[in-house]
Amino acid sequence: FVQFPEILDMSRYVRDSNSSKYRLYGVIEHYGHDPHEGHYMAYISD
């Protein structure tokens, strides 16, 4: 499990901190043991 934020703040890694925030708008999920098989689902935001 990798924790990930809804708002990704990259300000400590870039010079222009005014344009360093990103909003999560989509996630693809995978269920199964092999990445070539299994079931995929997606979340998308408006």
All heavy atoms as atom14 arrays in JSON, in Angstrom:
{
  "sequence": "FVQFPEILDMSRYVRDSNSSKYRLYGVIEHYGHDPHEGHYMAYISD",
  "atom14_mask": [
    [1, 1, 1, 1, 1, 1, 1, 1, 1, 1, 1, 0, 0, 0],
    [1, 1, 1, 1, 1, 1, 1, 0, 0, 0, 0, 0, 0, 0],
    [1, 1, 1, 1, 1, 1, 1, 1, 1, 0, 0, 0, 0, 0],
    [1, 1, 1, 1, 1, 1, 1, 1, 1, 1, 1, 0, 0, 0],
    [1, 1, 1, 1, 1, 1, 1, 0, 0, 0, 0, 0, 0, 0],
    [1, 1, 1, 1, 1, 1, 1, 1, 1, 0, 0, 0, 0, 0],
    [1, 1, 1, 1, 1, 1, 1, 1, 0, 0, 0, 0, 0, 0],
    [1, 1, 1, 1, 1, 1, 1, 1, 0, 0, 0, 0, 0, 0],
    [1, 1, 1, 1, 1, 1, 1, 1, 0, 0, 0, 0, 0, 0],
    [1, 1, 1, 1, 1, 1, 1, 1, 0, 0, 0, 0, 0, 0],
    [1, 1, 1, 1, 1, 1, 0, 0, 0, 0, 0, 0, 0, 0],
    [1, 1, 1, 1, 1, 1, 1, 1, 1, 1, 1, 0, 0, 0],
    [1, 1, 1, 1, 1, 1, 1, 1, 1, 1, 1, 1, 0, 0],
    [1, 1, 1, 1, 1, 1, 1, 0, 0, 0, 0, 0, 0, 0],
    [1, 1, 1, 1, 1, 1, 1, 1, 1, 1, 1, 0, 0, 0],
    [1, 1, 1, 1, 1, 1, 1, 1, 0, 0, 0, 0, 0, 0],
    [1, 1, 1, 1, 1, 1, 0, 0, 0, 0, 0, 0, 0, 0],
    [1, 1, 1, 1, 1, 1, 1, 1, 0, 0, 0, 0, 0, 0],
    [1, 1, 1, 1, 1, 1, 0, 0, 0, 0, 0, 0, 0, 0],
    [1, 1, 1, 1, 1, 1, 0, 0, 0, 0, 0, 0, 0, 0],
    [1, 1, 1, 1, 1, 1, 1, 1, 1, 0, 0, 0, 0, 0],
    [1, 1, 1, 1, 1, 1, 1, 1, 1, 1, 1, 1, 0, 0],
    [1, 1, 1, 1, 1, 1, 1, 1, 1, 1, 1, 0, 0, 0],
    [1, 1, 1, 1, 1, 1, 1, 1, 0, 0, 0, 0, 0, 0],
    [1, 1, 1, 1, 1, 1, 1, 1, 1, 1, 1, 1, 0, 0],
    [1, 1, 1, 1, 0, 0, 0, 0, 0, 0, 0, 0, 0, 0],
    [1, 1, 1, 1, 1, 1, 1, 0, 0, 0, 0, 0, 0, 0],
    [1, 1, 1, 1, 1, 1, 1, 1, 0, 0, 0, 0, 0, 0],
    [1, 1, 1, 1, 1, 1, 1, 1, 1, 0, 0, 0, 0, 0],
    [1, 1, 1, 1, 1, 1, 1, 1, 1, 1, 0, 0, 0, 0],
    [1, 1, 1, 1, 1, 1, 1, 1, 1, 1, 1, 1, 0, 0],
    [1, 1, 1, 1, 0, 0, 0, 0, 0, 0, 0, 0, 0, 0],
    [1, 1, 1, 1, 1, 1, 1, 1, 1, 1, 0, 0, 0, 0],
    [1, 1, 1, 1, 1, 1, 1, 1, 0, 0, 0, 0, 0, 0],
    [1, 1, 1, 1, 1, 1, 1, 0, 0, 0, 0, 0, 0, 0],
    [1, 1, 1, 1, 1, 1, 1, 1, 1, 1, 0, 0, 0, 0],
    [1, 1, 1, 1, 1, 1, 1, 1, 1, 0, 0, 0, 0, 0],
    [1, 1, 1, 1, 0, 0, 0, 0, 0, 0, 0, 0, 0, 0],
    [1, 1, 1, 1, 1, 1, 1, 1, 1, 1, 0, 0, 0, 0],
    [1, 1, 1, 1, 1, 1, 1, 1, 1, 1, 1, 1, 0, 0],
    [1, 1, 1, 1, 1, 1, 1, 1, 0, 0, 0, 0, 0, 0],
    [1, 1, 1, 1, 1, 0, 0, 0, 0, 0, 0, 0, 0, 0],
    [1, 1, 1, 1, 1, 1, 1, 1, 1, 1, 1, 1, 0, 0],
    [1, 1, 1, 1, 1, 1, 1, 1, 0, 0, 0, 0, 0, 0],
    [1, 1, 1, 1, 1, 1, 0, 0, 0, 0, 0, 0, 0, 0],
    [1, 1, 1, 1, 1, 1, 1, 1, 0, 0, 0, 0, 0, 0]
  ],
  "atom14_positions": [
    [[0.85, -1.2, 0.0], [0.0, 0.0, 0.0], [0.88, 1.24, 0.0], [1.77, 1.39, 0.82], [-0.93, 0.0, 1.21], [-1.78, 1.25, 1.3], [-2.63, 1.61, 0.27], [-1.72, 2.06, 2.41], [-3.41, 2.75, 0.35], [-2.5, 3.2, 2.5], [-3.35, 3.55, 1.46], [0.0, 0.0, 0.0], [0.0, 0.0, 0.0], [0.0, 0.0, 0.0]],
    [[0.63, 2.12, -0.93], [1.33, 3.4, -1.02], [0.31, 4.49, -0.75], [-0.68, 4.61, -1.46], [1.94, 3.6, -2.43], [2.6, 4.96, -2.54], [2.93, 2.49, -2.73], [0.0, 0.0, 0.0], [0.0, 0.0, 0.0], [0.0, 0.0, 0.0], [0.0, 0.0, 0.0], [0.0, 0.0, 0.0], [0.0, 0.0, 0.0], [0.0, 0.0, 0.0]],
    [[0.54, 5.25, 0.3], [-0.38, 6.34, 0.62], [-0.16, 7.48, -0.37], [0.98, 7.81, -0.69], [-0.17, 6.83, 2.04], [-0.56, 5.82, 3.07], [-0.39, 6.35, 4.48], [0.19, 7.4, 4.71], [-0.9, 5.62, 5.44], [0.0, 0.0, 0.0], [0.0, 0.0, 0.0], [0.0, 0.0, 0.0], [0.0, 0.0, 0.0], [0.0, 0.0, 0.0]],
    [[-1.25, 8.05, -0.84], [-1.15, 9.16, -1.78], [-2.21, 10.19, -1.42], [-3.29, 9.86, -0.97], [-1.29, 8.68, -3.23], [-2.54, 7.88, -3.49], [-3.67, 8.49, -4.02], [-2.58, 6.52, -3.22], [-4.81, 7.76, -4.27], [-3.73, 5.78, -3.47], [-4.85, 6.4, -3.99], [0.0, 0.0, 0.0], [0.0, 0.0, 0.0], [0.0, 0.0, 0.0]],
    [[-1.88, 11.47, -1.61], [-2.78, 12.54, -1.19], [-3.78, 12.94, -2.27], [-3.56, 12.71, -3.46], [-1.83, 13.7, -0.92], [-0.75, 13.49, -1.93], [-0.59, 11.99, -2.03], [0.0, 0.0, 0.0], [0.0, 0.0, 0.0], [0.0, 0.0, 0.0], [0.0, 0.0, 0.0], [0.0, 0.0, 0.0], [0.0, 0.0, 0.0], [0.0, 0.0, 0.0]],
    [[-4.85, 13.58, -1.84], [-5.78, 14.18, -2.79], [-5.13, 15.4, -3.43], [-5.25, 15.62, -4.63], [-7.08, 14.58, -2.1], [-8.06, 15.23, -3.04], [-9.3, 15.74, -2.34], [-9.36, 15.77, -1.1], [-10.23, 16.12, -3.07], [0.0, 0.0, 0.0], [0.0, 0.0, 0.0], [0.0, 0.0, 0.0], [0.0, 0.0, 0.0], [0.0, 0.0, 0.0]],
    [[-4.42, 16.2, -2.63], [-3.66, 17.34, -3.13], [-2.17, 17.03, -2.95], [-1.71, 16.81, -1.85], [-4.01, 18.65, -2.38], [-5.49, 18.97, -2.52], [-3.14, 19.8, -2.88], [-5.94, 19.28, -3.94], [0.0, 0.0, 0.0], [0.0, 0.0, 0.0], [0.0, 0.0, 0.0], [0.0, 0.0, 0.0], [0.0, 0.0, 0.0], [0.0, 0.0, 0.0]],
    [[-1.46, 17.02, -4.05], [-0.02, 16.75, -4.05], [0.7, 18.08, -4.1], [0.58, 18.83, -5.08], [0.34, 15.88, -5.26], [1.79, 15.5, -5.42], [2.26, 14.65, -4.25], [1.97, 14.75, -6.74], [0.0, 0.0, 0.0], [0.0, 0.0, 0.0], [0.0, 0.0, 0.0], [0.0, 0.0, 0.0], [0.0, 0.0, 0.0], [0.0, 0.0, 0.0]],
    [[1.43, 18.4, -3.04], [2.14, 19.68, -2.94], [3.62, 19.44, -3.22], [4.32, 18.8, -2.44], [1.96, 20.27, -1.54], [2.58, 21.65, -1.4], [3.24, 22.12, -2.35], [2.39, 22.25, -0.34], [0.0, 0.0, 0.0], [0.0, 0.0, 0.0], [0.0, 0.0, 0.0], [0.0, 0.0, 0.0], [0.0, 0.0, 0.0], [0.0, 0.0, 0.0]],
    [[4.09, 19.94, -4.34], [5.48, 19.75, -4.76], [6.33, 20.99, -4.51], [7.43, 21.1, -5.02], [5.51, 19.4, -6.25], [4.73, 18.15, -6.61], [5.45, 16.66, -5.89], [6.91, 16.51, -6.88], [0.0, 0.0, 0.0], [0.0, 0.0, 0.0], [0.0, 0.0, 0.0], [0.0, 0.0, 0.0], [0.0, 0.0, 0.0], [0.0, 0.0, 0.0]],
    [[5.85, 21.92, -3.67], [6.52, 23.21, -3.49], [7.94, 23.07, -2.96], [8.79, 23.9, -3.27], [5.71, 24.12, -2.58], [5.53, 23.54, -1.31], [0.0, 0.0, 0.0], [0.0, 0.0, 0.0], [0.0, 0.0, 0.0], [0.0, 0.0, 0.0], [0.0, 0.0, 0.0], [0.0, 0.0, 0.0], [0.0, 0.0, 0.0], [0.0, 0.0, 0.0]],
    [[8.23, 22.06, -2.2], [9.6, 21.92, -1.69], [10.57, 21.38, -2.75], [11.77, 21.32, -2.51], [9.64, 21.09, -0.42], [9.18, 19.69, -0.57], [9.1, 19.03, 0.77], [9.79, 17.76, 0.75], [9.63, 16.82, 1.63], [8.83, 17.02, 2.66], [10.29, 15.69, 1.55], [0.0, 0.0, 0.0], [0.0, 0.0, 0.0], [0.0, 0.0, 0.0]],
    [[10.04, 20.99, -3.91], [10.88, 20.45, -4.97], [11.01, 21.37, -6.18], [11.8, 21.09, -7.08], [10.33, 19.1, -5.45], [10.18, 18.1, -4.34], [8.93, 17.76, -3.86], [11.3, 17.5, -3.77], [8.79, 16.84, -2.84], [11.17, 16.59, -2.74], [9.91, 16.27, -2.28], [9.77, 15.36, -1.26], [0.0, 0.0, 0.0], [0.0, 0.0, 0.0]],
    [[10.24, 22.44, -6.22], [10.28, 23.35, -7.37], [10.51, 24.78, -6.92], [10.19, 25.14, -5.79], [8.97, 23.27, -8.2], [8.8, 21.91, -8.82], [7.77, 23.64, -7.37], [0.0, 0.0, 0.0], [0.0, 0.0, 0.0], [0.0, 0.0, 0.0], [0.0, 0.0, 0.0], [0.0, 0.0, 0.0], [0.0, 0.0, 0.0], [0.0, 0.0, 0.0]],
    [[11.04, 25.61, -7.8], [11.34, 26.99, -7.45], [10.09, 27.85, -7.37], [9.95, 28.68, -6.49], [12.29, 27.58, -8.48], [13.66, 27.02, -8.38], [14.57, 27.69, -9.34], [15.87, 27.05, -9.27], [16.85, 27.3, -10.09], [16.7, 28.18, -11.05], [17.99, 26.68, -9.97], [0.0, 0.0, 0.0], [0.0, 0.0, 0.0], [0.0, 0.0, 0.0]],
    [[9.18, 27.7, -8.32], [7.97, 28.51, -8.36], [6.88, 27.81, -7.55], [6.15, 27.0, -8.06], [7.51, 28.73, -9.8], [6.29, 29.61, -9.89], [5.87, 30.15, -8.85], [5.76, 29.77, -11.0], [0.0, 0.0, 0.0], [0.0, 0.0, 0.0], [0.0, 0.0, 0.0], [0.0, 0.0, 0.0], [0.0, 0.0, 0.0], [0.0, 0.0, 0.0]],
    [[6.77, 28.16, -6.27], [5.83, 27.46, -5.38], [4.38, 27.83, -5.66], [3.47, 27.21, -5.13], [6.16, 27.74, -3.92], [6.08, 29.11, -3.65], [0.0, 0.0, 0.0], [0.0, 0.0, 0.0], [0.0, 0.0, 0.0], [0.0, 0.0, 0.0], [0.0, 0.0, 0.0], [0.0, 0.0, 0.0], [0.0, 0.0, 0.0], [0.0, 0.0, 0.0]],
    [[4.12, 28.85, -6.51], [2.74, 29.2, -6.85], [2.08, 28.18, -7.77], [0.87, 28.09, -7.83], [2.69, 30.58, -7.51], [3.05, 31.67, -6.53], [2.79, 31.54, -5.34], [3.66, 32.72, -7.01], [0.0, 0.0, 0.0], [0.0, 0.0, 0.0], [0.0, 0.0, 0.0], [0.0, 0.0, 0.0], [0.0, 0.0, 0.0], [0.0, 0.0, 0.0]],
    [[2.88, 27.43, -8.5], [2.31, 26.46, -9.43], [2.79, 25.05, -9.12], [3.18, 24.3, -9.99], [2.67, 26.84, -10.86], [4.08, 26.8, -11.0], [0.0, 0.0, 0.0], [0.0, 0.0, 0.0], [0.0, 0.0, 0.0], [0.0, 0.0, 0.0], [0.0, 0.0, 0.0], [0.0, 0.0, 0.0], [0.0, 0.0, 0.0], [0.0, 0.0, 0.0]],
    [[2.78, 24.7, -7.86], [3.36, 23.42, -7.47], [2.36, 22.47, -6.8], [2.75, 21.48, -6.23], [4.53, 23.65, -6.52], [4.07, 24.32, -5.36], [0.0, 0.0, 0.0], [0.0, 0.0, 0.0], [0.0, 0.0, 0.0], [0.0, 0.0, 0.0], [0.0, 0.0, 0.0], [0.0, 0.0, 0.0], [0.0, 0.0, 0.0], [0.0, 0.0, 0.0]],
    [[1.07, 22.78, -6.9], [0.06, 21.91, -6.3], [-0.75, 21.22, -7.39], [-1.08, 21.84, -8.41], [-0.86, 22.69, -5.37], [-0.13, 23.15, -4.12], [-1.08, 23.73, -3.11], [-0.26, 24.15, -1.9], [-1.07, 24.77, -0.88], [0.0, 0.0, 0.0], [0.0, 0.0, 0.0], [0.0, 0.0, 0.0], [0.0, 0.0, 0.0], [0.0, 0.0, 0.0]],
    [[-1.04, 19.95, -7.13], [-1.77, 19.14, -8.09], [-2.91, 18.42, -7.38], [-2.75, 17.98, -6.25], [-0.83, 18.1, -8.72], [0.31, 18.74, -9.47], [1.45, 19.18, -8.81], [0.23, 18.91, -10.84], [2.49, 19.77, -9.5], [1.28, 19.51, -11.54], [2.4, 19.94, -10.86], [3.42, 20.53, -11.55], [0.0, 0.0, 0.0], [0.0, 0.0, 0.0]],
    [[-4.05, 18.31, -8.06], [-5.23, 17.66, -7.49], [-5.43, 16.3, -8.16], [-5.35, 16.18, -9.38], [-6.47, 18.52, -7.71], [-7.75, 17.93, -7.12], [-8.96, 18.81, -7.36], [-9.21, 19.09, -8.77], [-9.86, 18.27, -9.6], [-10.3, 17.12, -9.19], [-10.06, 18.64, -10.86], [0.0, 0.0, 0.0], [0.0, 0.0, 0.0], [0.0, 0.0, 0.0]],
    [[-5.68, 15.29, -7.36], [-5.96, 13.95, -7.87], [-7.27, 13.98, -8.64], [-8.29, 14.45, -8.13], [-6.08, 12.98, -6.69], [-6.32, 11.51, -7.04], [-5.09, 10.91, -7.68], [-6.69, 10.74, -5.78], [0.0, 0.0, 0.0], [0.0, 0.0, 0.0], [0.0, 0.0, 0.0], [0.0, 0.0, 0.0], [0.0, 0.0, 0.0], [0.0, 0.0, 0.0]],
    [[-7.26, 13.54, -9.89], [-8.5, 13.51, -10.66], [-8.81, 12.14, -11.22], [-9.9, 11.91, -11.74], [-8.48, 14.56, -11.78], [-7.65, 14.19, -12.99], [-8.22, 13.5, -14.06], [-6.32, 14.54, -13.07], [-7.47, 13.16, -15.17], [-5.57, 14.22, -14.17], [-6.14, 13.53, -15.22], [-5.39, 13.2, -16.32], [0.0, 0.0, 0.0], [0.0, 0.0, 0.0]],
    [[-7.89, 11.19, -11.08], [-8.19, 9.86, -11.58], [-7.31, 8.8, -10.94], [-6.15, 9.06, -10.6], [0.0, 0.0, 0.0], [0.0, 0.0, 0.0], [0.0, 0.0, 0.0], [0.0, 0.0, 0.0], [0.0, 0.0, 0.0], [0.0, 0.0, 0.0], [0.0, 0.0, 0.0], [0.0, 0.0, 0.0], [0.0, 0.0, 0.0], [0.0, 0.0, 0.0]],
    [[-7.88, 7.62, -10.76], [-7.15, 6.48, -10.2], [-7.62, 5.24, -10.95], [-8.82, 5.06, -11.17], [-7.44, 6.29, -8.69], [-6.78, 5.02, -8.16], [-6.98, 7.49, -7.9], [0.0, 0.0, 0.0], [0.0, 0.0, 0.0], [0.0, 0.0, 0.0], [0.0, 0.0, 0.0], [0.0, 0.0, 0.0], [0.0, 0.0, 0.0], [0.0, 0.0, 0.0]],
    [[-6.66, 4.42, -11.35], [-7.0, 3.1, -11.9], [-6.65, 2.08, -10.84], [-5.56, 2.11, -10.26], [-6.24, 2.83, -13.21], [-6.65, 3.82, -14.28], [-6.46, 1.39, -13.67], [-5.89, 3.72, -15.57], [0.0, 0.0, 0.0], [0.0, 0.0, 0.0], [0.0, 0.0, 0.0], [0.0, 0.0, 0.0], [0.0, 0.0, 0.0], [0.0, 0.0, 0.0]],
    [[-7.57, 1.17, -10.59], [-7.35, 0.07, -9.64], [-7.14, -1.22, -10.41], [-7.68, -1.4, -11.5], [-8.59, -0.16, -8.78], [-8.91, 0.89, -7.79], [-10.12, 0.49, -6.96], [-10.99, -0.25, -7.46], [-10.2, 0.94, -5.82], [0.0, 0.0, 0.0], [0.0, 0.0, 0.0], [0.0, 0.0, 0.0], [0.0, 0.0, 0.0], [0.0, 0.0, 0.0]],
    [[-6.38, -2.11, -9.8], [-6.2, -3.44, -10.38], [-6.39, -4.48, -9.28], [-5.8, -4.4, -8.22], [-4.79, -3.59, -10.97], [-4.53, -4.97, -11.48], [-3.85, -5.91, -10.73], [-4.87, -5.57, -12.63], [-3.78, -7.03, -11.42], [-4.39, -6.85, -12.58], [0.0, 0.0, 0.0], [0.0, 0.0, 0.0], [0.0, 0.0, 0.0], [0.0, 0.0, 0.0]],
    [[-7.24, -5.46, -9.58], [-7.45, -6.59, -8.67], [-6.94, -7.84, -9.36], [-7.32, -8.14, -10.49], [-8.93, -6.75, -8.33], [-9.45, -5.64, -7.45], [-9.99, -4.49, -7.99], [-9.36, -5.75, -6.06], [-10.45, -3.47, -7.19], [-9.81, -4.72, -5.25], [-10.35, -3.59, -5.82], [-10.79, -2.57, -5.02], [0.0, 0.0, 0.0], [0.0, 0.0, 0.0]],
    [[-6.05, -8.57, -8.69], [-5.47, -9.79, -9.23], [-4.0, -9.85, -8.86], [-3.41, -8.86, -8.42], [0.0, 0.0, 0.0], [0.0, 0.0, 0.0], [0.0, 0.0, 0.0], [0.0, 0.0, 0.0], [0.0, 0.0, 0.0], [0.0, 0.0, 0.0], [0.0, 0.0, 0.0], [0.0, 0.0, 0.0], [0.0, 0.0, 0.0], [0.0, 0.0, 0.0]],
    [[-3.38, -11.01, -9.06], [-1.98, -11.2, -8.67], [-1.01, -10.88, -9.79], [0.14, -10.56, -9.55], [-1.76, -12.64, -8.21], [-2.54, -12.99, -6.99], [-2.25, -12.45, -5.76], [-3.61, -13.78, -6.81], [-3.12, -12.91, -4.87], [-3.96, -13.7, -5.48], [0.0, 0.0, 0.0], [0.0, 0.0, 0.0], [0.0, 0.0, 0.0], [0.0, 0.0, 0.0]],
    [[-1.45, -10.95, -11.02], [-0.61, -10.73, -12.18], [-1.1, -9.46, -12.88], [-2.28, -9.35, -13.19], [-0.73, -11.93, -13.12], [0.19, -11.84, -14.32], [0.54, -10.72, -14.74], [0.55, -12.89, -14.86], [0.0, 0.0, 0.0], [0.0, 0.0, 0.0], [0.0, 0.0, 0.0], [0.0, 0.0, 0.0], [0.0, 0.0, 0.0], [0.0, 0.0, 0.0]],
    [[-0.21, -8.5, -13.16], [-0.66, -7.26, -13.79], [-1.21, -7.45, -15.2], [-1.87, -6.57, -15.73], [0.58, -6.38, -13.8], [1.72, -7.24, -13.47], [1.2, -8.47, -12.82], [0.0, 0.0, 0.0], [0.0, 0.0, 0.0], [0.0, 0.0, 0.0], [0.0, 0.0, 0.0], [0.0, 0.0, 0.0], [0.0, 0.0, 0.0], [0.0, 0.0, 0.0]],
    [[-0.97, -8.61, -15.81], [-1.48, -8.88, -17.16], [-2.87, -9.5, -17.13], [-3.5, -9.65, -18.16], [-0.52, -9.78, -17.93], [0.85, -9.17, -18.05], [1.11, -8.09, -18.87], [2.01, -9.46, -17.44], [2.38, -7.76, -18.76], [2.95, -8.57, -17.9], [0.0, 0.0, 0.0], [0.0, 0.0, 0.0], [0.0, 0.0, 0.0], [0.0, 0.0, 0.0]],
    [[-3.32, -9.88, -15.97], [-4.64, -10.48, -15.81], [-5.31, -9.83, -14.61], [-4.69, -9.12, -13.85], [-4.54, -11.99, -15.58], [-3.91, -12.74, -16.73], [-3.75, -14.21, -16.43], [-4.18, -14.68, -15.36], [-3.17, -14.9, -17.28], [0.0, 0.0, 0.0], [0.0, 0.0, 0.0], [0.0, 0.0, 0.0], [0.0, 0.0, 0.0], [0.0, 0.0, 0.0]],
    [[-6.56, -10.1, -14.42], [-7.28, -9.53, -13.3], [-8.37, -8.61, -13.77], [-8.86, -8.7, -14.9], [0.0, 0.0, 0.0], [0.0, 0.0, 0.0], [0.0, 0.0, 0.0], [0.0, 0.0, 0.0], [0.0, 0.0, 0.0], [0.0, 0.0, 0.0], [0.0, 0.0, 0.0], [0.0, 0.0, 0.0], [0.0, 0.0, 0.0], [0.0, 0.0, 0.0]],
    [[-8.74, -7.69, -12.91], [-9.85, -6.79, -13.2], [-9.42, -5.36, -12.92], [-8.81, -5.07, -11.9], [-11.05, -7.17, -12.32], [-12.28, -6.41, -12.65], [-13.0, -6.62, -13.8], [-12.93, -5.42, -11.98], [-14.04, -5.8, -13.83], [-14.03, -5.06, -12.73], [0.0, 0.0, 0.0], [0.0, 0.0, 0.0], [0.0, 0.0, 0.0], [0.0, 0.0, 0.0]],
    [[-9.72, -4.48, -13.85], [-9.39, -3.07, -13.71], [-10.67, -2.25, -13.52], [-11.68, -2.54, -14.14], [-8.67, -2.55, -14.96], [-7.28, -3.11, -15.11], [-7.06, -4.31, -15.78], [-6.19, -2.44, -14.57], [-5.78, -4.82, -15.91], [-4.91, -2.95, -14.7], [-4.71, -4.13, -15.38], [-3.45, -4.64, -15.49], [0.0, 0.0, 0.0], [0.0, 0.0, 0.0]],
    [[-10.58, -1.25, -12.66], [-11.66, -0.29, -12.44], [-11.04, 1.1, -12.38], [-9.83, 1.22, -12.17], [-12.41, -0.59, -11.15], [-13.19, -1.88, -11.2], [-14.01, -2.24, -9.65], [-12.67, -2.99, -8.76], [0.0, 0.0, 0.0], [0.0, 0.0, 0.0], [0.0, 0.0, 0.0], [0.0, 0.0, 0.0], [0.0, 0.0, 0.0], [0.0, 0.0, 0.0]],
    [[-11.85, 2.13, -12.54], [-11.32, 3.49, -12.53], [-12.19, 4.42, -11.72], [-13.41, 4.26, -11.66], [-11.2, 4.0, -13.96], [0.0, 0.0, 0.0], [0.0, 0.0, 0.0], [0.0, 0.0, 0.0], [0.0, 0.0, 0.0], [0.0, 0.0, 0.0], [0.0, 0.0, 0.0], [0.0, 0.0, 0.0], [0.0, 0.0, 0.0], [0.0, 0.0, 0.0]],
    [[-11.54, 5.39, -11.1], [-12.21, 6.51, -10.44], [-11.84, 7.75, -11.22], [-10.68, 7.94, -11.6], [-11.74, 6.68, -9.0], [-12.14, 5.57, -8.07], [-11.28, 4.53, -7.78], [-13.4, 5.58, -7.46], [-11.65, 3.53, -6.9], [-13.78, 4.57, -6.59], [-12.89, 3.54, -6.32], [-13.26, 2.55, -5.46], [0.0, 0.0, 0.0], [0.0, 0.0, 0.0]],
    [[-12.79, 8.63, -11.43], [-12.54, 9.88, -12.13], [-13.34, 10.99, -11.44], [-14.46, 10.75, -11.0], [-12.89, 9.78, -13.64], [-12.43, 11.01, -14.4], [-14.35, 9.51, -13.85], [-10.96, 11.05, -14.67], [0.0, 0.0, 0.0], [0.0, 0.0, 0.0], [0.0, 0.0, 0.0], [0.0, 0.0, 0.0], [0.0, 0.0, 0.0], [0.0, 0.0, 0.0]],
    [[-12.74, 12.18, -11.34], [-13.46, 13.27, -10.69], [-13.89, 14.3, -11.72], [-13.29, 14.44, -12.79], [-12.6, 13.93, -9.62], [-11.62, 14.75, -10.2], [0.0, 0.0, 0.0], [0.0, 0.0, 0.0], [0.0, 0.0, 0.0], [0.0, 0.0, 0.0], [0.0, 0.0, 0.0], [0.0, 0.0, 0.0], [0.0, 0.0, 0.0], [0.0, 0.0, 0.0]],
    [[-14.93, 15.05, -11.36], [-15.36, 16.16, -12.2], [-14.6, 17.41, -11.75], [-13.71, 17.34, -10.9], [-16.89, 16.35, -12.13], [-17.4, 16.64, -10.72], [-16.59, 17.03, -9.83], [-18.6, 16.47, -10.49], [0.0, 0.0, 0.0], [0.0, 0.0, 0.0], [0.0, 0.0, 0.0], [0.0, 0.0, 0.0], [0.0, 0.0, 0.0], [0.0, 0.0, 0.0]]
  ]
}
